[in-house]
């Protein structure tokens, strides 16, 4: 088995463990939230400032995650 195959298998096992334990993958959630809000942030900025939209999207995603964790 190659190293890549082993890493893939370990990742799948970890995902299954989390799903079985109903753990939330906060890194995946952060990505999904940032991906969703990024276009709105870009639409409200100029072309020159579009590159700064990504850190803002990530920051806002983290703020939302922090609030969601309080509810958990």
N, C-alpha and C. Protein backbone atom coordinates (compact mmCIF):
# COMPACT_ATOMS: atom_id res chain seq x y z
N UNK A 1 0.86 -1.17 0.00
CA UNK A 1 0.00 0.00 0.00
C UNK A 1 0.91 1.24 0.00
N UNK A 2 0.58 2.19 -0.88
CA UNK A 2 1.40 3.40 -0.96
C UNK A 2 1.09 4.33 0.20
N UNK A 3 1.97 5.31 0.38
CA UNK A 3 1.78 6.27 1.47
C UNK A 3 0.49 7.06 1.27
N UNK A 4 0.20 7.43 0.03
CA UNK A 4 -1.02 8.20 -0.25
C UNK A 4 -2.26 7.36 0.09
N UNK A 5 -2.22 6.10 -0.28
CA UNK A 5 -3.35 5.21 0.03
C UNK A 5 -3.54 5.06 1.54
N UNK A 6 -2.44 4.98 2.27
CA UNK A 6 -2.52 4.87 3.72
C UNK A 6 -3.11 6.14 4.33
N UNK A 7 -2.66 7.31 3.83
CA UNK A 7 -3.19 8.57 4.34
C UNK A 7 -4.67 8.69 4.03
N UNK A 8 -5.07 8.28 2.84
CA UNK A 8 -6.48 8.31 2.46
C UNK A 8 -7.30 7.42 3.39
N UNK A 9 -6.80 6.22 3.63
CA UNK A 9 -7.51 5.29 4.49
C UNK A 9 -7.64 5.83 5.91
N UNK A 10 -6.57 6.43 6.42
CA UNK A 10 -6.61 7.03 7.75
C UNK A 10 -7.63 8.16 7.80
N UNK A 11 -7.70 8.97 6.75
CA UNK A 11 -8.66 10.06 6.71
C UNK A 11 -10.09 9.53 6.70
N UNK A 12 -10.34 8.49 5.94
CA UNK A 12 -11.67 7.89 5.89
C UNK A 12 -12.05 7.31 7.24
N UNK A 13 -11.12 6.63 7.88
CA UNK A 13 -11.38 6.06 9.21
C UNK A 13 -11.71 7.17 10.20
N UNK A 14 -10.96 8.26 10.16
CA UNK A 14 -11.21 9.39 11.06
C UNK A 14 -12.58 10.01 10.79
N UNK A 15 -12.94 10.16 9.52
CA UNK A 15 -14.25 10.72 9.18
C UNK A 15 -15.37 9.82 9.69
N UNK A 16 -15.19 8.51 9.53
CA UNK A 16 -16.20 7.57 10.02
C UNK A 16 -16.32 7.62 11.54
N UNK A 17 -15.18 7.74 12.23
CA UNK A 17 -15.20 7.82 13.69
C UNK A 17 -15.96 9.06 14.14
N UNK A 18 -15.67 10.18 13.49
CA UNK A 18 -16.36 11.42 13.85
C UNK A 18 -17.85 11.33 13.58
N UNK A 19 -18.18 10.76 12.45
CA UNK A 19 -19.60 10.63 12.11
C UNK A 19 -20.30 9.71 13.10
N UNK A 20 -19.65 8.65 13.49
CA UNK A 20 -20.23 7.70 14.45
C UNK A 20 -20.44 8.38 15.80
N UNK A 21 -19.48 9.22 16.19
CA UNK A 21 -19.57 9.92 17.47
C UNK A 21 -20.32 11.25 17.34
N UNK A 22 -20.76 11.54 16.14
CA UNK A 22 -21.48 12.78 15.85
C UNK A 22 -20.66 14.03 16.21
N UNK A 23 -19.36 13.93 16.03
CA UNK A 23 -18.49 15.08 16.27
C UNK A 23 -18.60 16.02 15.07
N UNK A 24 -18.55 17.29 15.33
CA UNK A 24 -18.61 18.28 14.26
C UNK A 24 -17.19 18.57 13.81
N UNK A 25 -16.99 18.55 12.50
CA UNK A 25 -15.70 18.90 11.93
C UNK A 25 -15.69 20.42 11.72
N UNK A 26 -15.19 21.13 12.72
CA UNK A 26 -15.25 22.58 12.70
C UNK A 26 -14.40 23.19 11.58
N UNK A 27 -13.32 22.54 11.21
CA UNK A 27 -12.49 23.04 10.11
C UNK A 27 -13.28 22.98 8.79
N UNK A 28 -14.01 21.90 8.59
CA UNK A 28 -14.85 21.78 7.40
C UNK A 28 -15.97 22.80 7.44
N UNK A 29 -16.57 22.98 8.59
CA UNK A 29 -17.63 23.99 8.72
C UNK A 29 -17.10 25.39 8.44
N UNK A 30 -15.91 25.69 8.94
CA UNK A 30 -15.29 27.01 8.71
C UNK A 30 -15.12 27.24 7.21
N UNK A 31 -14.63 26.23 6.51
CA UNK A 31 -14.46 26.32 5.07
C UNK A 31 -15.79 26.57 4.37
N UNK A 32 -16.81 25.79 4.75
CA UNK A 32 -18.12 25.93 4.10
C UNK A 32 -18.73 27.29 4.34
N UNK A 33 -18.63 27.79 5.56
CA UNK A 33 -19.19 29.11 5.87
C UNK A 33 -18.45 30.19 5.12
N UNK A 34 -17.12 30.14 5.15
CA UNK A 34 -16.32 31.16 4.45
C UNK A 34 -16.61 31.13 2.95
N UNK A 35 -16.73 29.95 2.39
CA UNK A 35 -17.03 29.80 0.97
C UNK A 35 -18.38 30.43 0.62
N UNK A 36 -19.34 30.30 1.51
CA UNK A 36 -20.67 30.86 1.25
C UNK A 36 -20.71 32.38 1.36
N UNK A 37 -19.97 32.94 2.32
CA UNK A 37 -20.06 34.39 2.52
C UNK A 37 -19.06 35.18 1.69
N UNK A 38 -18.03 34.50 1.14
CA UNK A 38 -17.00 35.18 0.36
C UNK A 38 -17.58 35.99 -0.81
N UNK A 39 -18.47 35.41 -1.63
CA UNK A 39 -19.01 36.20 -2.76
C UNK A 39 -19.72 37.47 -2.32
N UNK A 40 -20.41 37.44 -1.21
CA UNK A 40 -21.09 38.64 -0.72
C UNK A 40 -20.09 39.72 -0.32
N UNK A 41 -19.01 39.29 0.30
CA UNK A 41 -17.98 40.25 0.71
C UNK A 41 -17.31 40.85 -0.52
N UNK A 42 -16.99 40.02 -1.50
CA UNK A 42 -16.34 40.50 -2.73
C UNK A 42 -17.27 41.48 -3.46
N UNK A 43 -18.55 41.17 -3.48
CA UNK A 43 -19.51 42.04 -4.18
C UNK A 43 -19.58 43.42 -3.54
N UNK A 44 -19.23 43.53 -2.27
CA UNK A 44 -19.31 44.81 -1.57
C UNK A 44 -17.99 45.56 -1.57
N UNK A 45 -16.95 45.00 -2.22
CA UNK A 45 -15.65 45.66 -2.24
C UNK A 45 -15.24 46.00 -3.66
N UNK A 46 -14.18 46.77 -3.78
CA UNK A 46 -13.64 47.09 -5.09
C UNK A 46 -12.71 45.97 -5.54
N UNK A 47 -12.35 45.97 -6.79
CA UNK A 47 -11.47 44.93 -7.33
C UNK A 47 -10.14 44.92 -6.59
N UNK A 48 -9.62 46.08 -6.23
CA UNK A 48 -8.35 46.16 -5.53
C UNK A 48 -8.43 45.51 -4.14
N UNK A 49 -9.59 45.58 -3.53
CA UNK A 49 -9.74 45.05 -2.18
C UNK A 49 -10.28 43.62 -2.15
N UNK A 50 -10.49 43.01 -3.31
CA UNK A 50 -11.06 41.66 -3.36
C UNK A 50 -10.15 40.64 -2.69
N UNK A 51 -8.83 40.86 -2.74
CA UNK A 51 -7.92 39.90 -2.11
C UNK A 51 -8.04 39.93 -0.59
N UNK A 52 -8.46 41.04 -0.04
CA UNK A 52 -8.63 41.11 1.41
C UNK A 52 -9.96 40.51 1.86
N UNK A 53 -10.80 40.10 0.92
CA UNK A 53 -12.10 39.53 1.27
C UNK A 53 -11.95 38.14 1.88
N UNK A 54 -10.96 37.37 1.47
CA UNK A 54 -10.79 36.01 1.99
C UNK A 54 -10.53 36.01 3.50
N UNK A 55 -9.57 36.80 4.00
CA UNK A 55 -9.37 36.81 5.46
C UNK A 55 -10.61 37.28 6.22
N UNK A 56 -11.36 38.20 5.63
CA UNK A 56 -12.59 38.67 6.29
C UNK A 56 -13.61 37.54 6.35
N UNK A 57 -13.75 36.78 5.26
CA UNK A 57 -14.69 35.67 5.24
C UNK A 57 -14.31 34.62 6.28
N UNK A 58 -13.02 34.33 6.38
CA UNK A 58 -12.55 33.35 7.36
C UNK A 58 -12.79 33.85 8.78
N UNK A 59 -12.53 35.13 9.01
CA UNK A 59 -12.76 35.71 10.34
C UNK A 59 -14.24 35.62 10.72
N UNK A 60 -15.11 36.00 9.80
CA UNK A 60 -16.54 35.95 10.09
C UNK A 60 -17.02 34.52 10.30
N UNK A 61 -16.46 33.59 9.55
CA UNK A 61 -16.81 32.19 9.74
C UNK A 61 -16.41 31.73 11.15
N UNK A 62 -15.24 32.17 11.60
CA UNK A 62 -14.79 31.79 12.93
C UNK A 62 -15.67 32.40 14.01
N UNK A 63 -16.11 33.63 13.80
CA UNK A 63 -17.02 34.28 14.76
C UNK A 63 -18.30 33.47 14.88
N UNK A 64 -18.85 33.06 13.74
CA UNK A 64 -20.07 32.26 13.76
C UNK A 64 -19.83 30.91 14.45
N UNK A 65 -18.72 30.27 14.16
CA UNK A 65 -18.40 28.99 14.79
C UNK A 65 -18.28 29.14 16.30
N UNK A 66 -17.64 30.21 16.74
CA UNK A 66 -17.52 30.44 18.19
C UNK A 66 -18.90 30.54 18.84
N UNK A 67 -19.82 31.21 18.18
CA UNK A 67 -21.18 31.31 18.72
C UNK A 67 -21.89 29.97 18.69
N UNK A 68 -21.68 29.20 17.63
CA UNK A 68 -22.31 27.88 17.54
C UNK A 68 -21.77 26.94 18.62
N UNK A 69 -20.51 27.06 18.93
CA UNK A 69 -19.92 26.21 19.97
C UNK A 69 -20.49 26.52 21.35
N UNK A 70 -20.91 27.76 21.56
CA UNK A 70 -21.52 28.13 22.84
C UNK A 70 -22.86 27.41 23.01
N UNK A 71 -23.57 27.20 21.91
CA UNK A 71 -24.87 26.56 21.94
C UNK A 71 -24.73 25.07 22.17
N UNK A 72 -23.65 24.49 21.69
CA UNK A 72 -23.43 23.05 21.75
C UNK A 72 -23.51 22.46 23.11
